[in-house]
């Protein structure tokens, strides 16, 4: 399944959740989708977690990178 098909499925799920469940259901579906994407990304690319931690480690807490 390519990215456009995944995008269509995600958009359809969000649309149905928003239409039938309201804004709260829309947010729950969106958050669950984002969490699923993050887990899938880390499982697909084993170096993704290390790159994320390296990026966090380079900041000094204010969001600015240190040299």
Protein backbone atom coordinates (compact mmCIF):
# COMPACT_ATOMS: atom_id res chain seq x y z
CA UNK A 1 0.00 0.00 0.00
CA UNK A 2 1.53 3.31 -1.02
CA UNK A 3 1.35 6.64 0.77
CA UNK A 4 -1.53 8.03 -1.25
CA UNK A 5 -3.71 5.04 -0.35
CA UNK A 6 -2.81 5.39 3.32
CA UNK A 7 -3.65 9.09 3.14
CA UNK A 8 -7.04 8.36 1.61
CA UNK A 9 -7.82 5.79 4.30
CA UNK A 10 -6.72 8.13 7.08
CA UNK A 11 -8.74 11.00 5.64
CA UNK A 12 -11.81 8.81 5.30
CA UNK A 13 -11.50 7.58 8.88
CA UNK A 14 -11.10 11.14 10.16
CA UNK A 15 -14.05 12.29 8.09
CA UNK A 16 -16.34 9.58 9.43
CA UNK A 17 -15.18 10.20 12.99
CA UNK A 18 -15.80 13.92 12.67
CA UNK A 19 -19.19 13.48 11.02
CA UNK A 20 -20.64 10.81 13.28
CA UNK A 21 -18.74 11.35 16.53
CA UNK A 22 -18.06 15.07 16.61
CA UNK A 23 -14.86 16.95 17.20
CA UNK A 24 -13.78 14.86 20.20
CA UNK A 25 -13.91 11.65 18.18
CA UNK A 26 -12.03 13.40 15.38
CA UNK A 27 -9.22 14.26 17.79
CA UNK A 28 -9.08 10.74 19.24
CA UNK A 29 -8.84 9.19 15.77
CA UNK A 30 -6.20 11.74 14.73
CA UNK A 31 -4.08 11.08 17.84
CA UNK A 32 -4.35 7.32 17.46
CA UNK A 33 -3.36 7.63 13.81
CA UNK A 34 -0.34 9.76 14.68
CA UNK A 35 0.75 7.30 17.36
CA UNK A 36 0.36 4.40 14.93
CA UNK A 37 2.38 6.24 12.32
CA UNK A 38 5.17 6.93 14.82
CA UNK A 39 5.35 3.31 15.97
CA UNK A 40 5.31 2.06 12.38
CA UNK A 41 8.03 4.51 11.42
CA UNK A 42 10.28 3.37 14.25
CA UNK A 43 9.64 -0.31 13.49
CA UNK A 44 10.31 0.20 9.78
CA UNK A 45 13.49 2.24 10.29
CA UNK A 46 15.55 1.05 13.28
CA UNK A 47 17.77 4.16 13.13
CA UNK A 48 14.80 6.55 13.47
CA UNK A 49 14.72 6.35 17.27
CA UNK A 50 18.45 7.09 17.53
CA UNK A 51 18.14 10.08 15.17
CA UNK A 52 15.26 11.40 17.29
CA UNK A 53 17.27 11.11 20.50
CA UNK A 54 20.28 12.73 18.83
CA UNK A 55 18.10 15.65 17.76
CA UNK A 56 16.69 16.05 21.28
CA UNK A 57 20.17 15.81 22.79
CA UNK A 58 21.44 18.67 20.59
CA UNK A 59 18.91 21.12 22.00
CA UNK A 60 19.47 22.92 25.27
CA UNK A 61 15.87 22.81 26.47
CA UNK A 62 14.82 26.07 24.81
CA UNK A 63 14.41 24.52 21.39
CA UNK A 64 17.60 26.11 20.11
CA UNK A 65 20.43 23.95 18.96
CA UNK A 66 23.75 24.13 20.73
CA UNK A 67 27.02 23.79 18.88
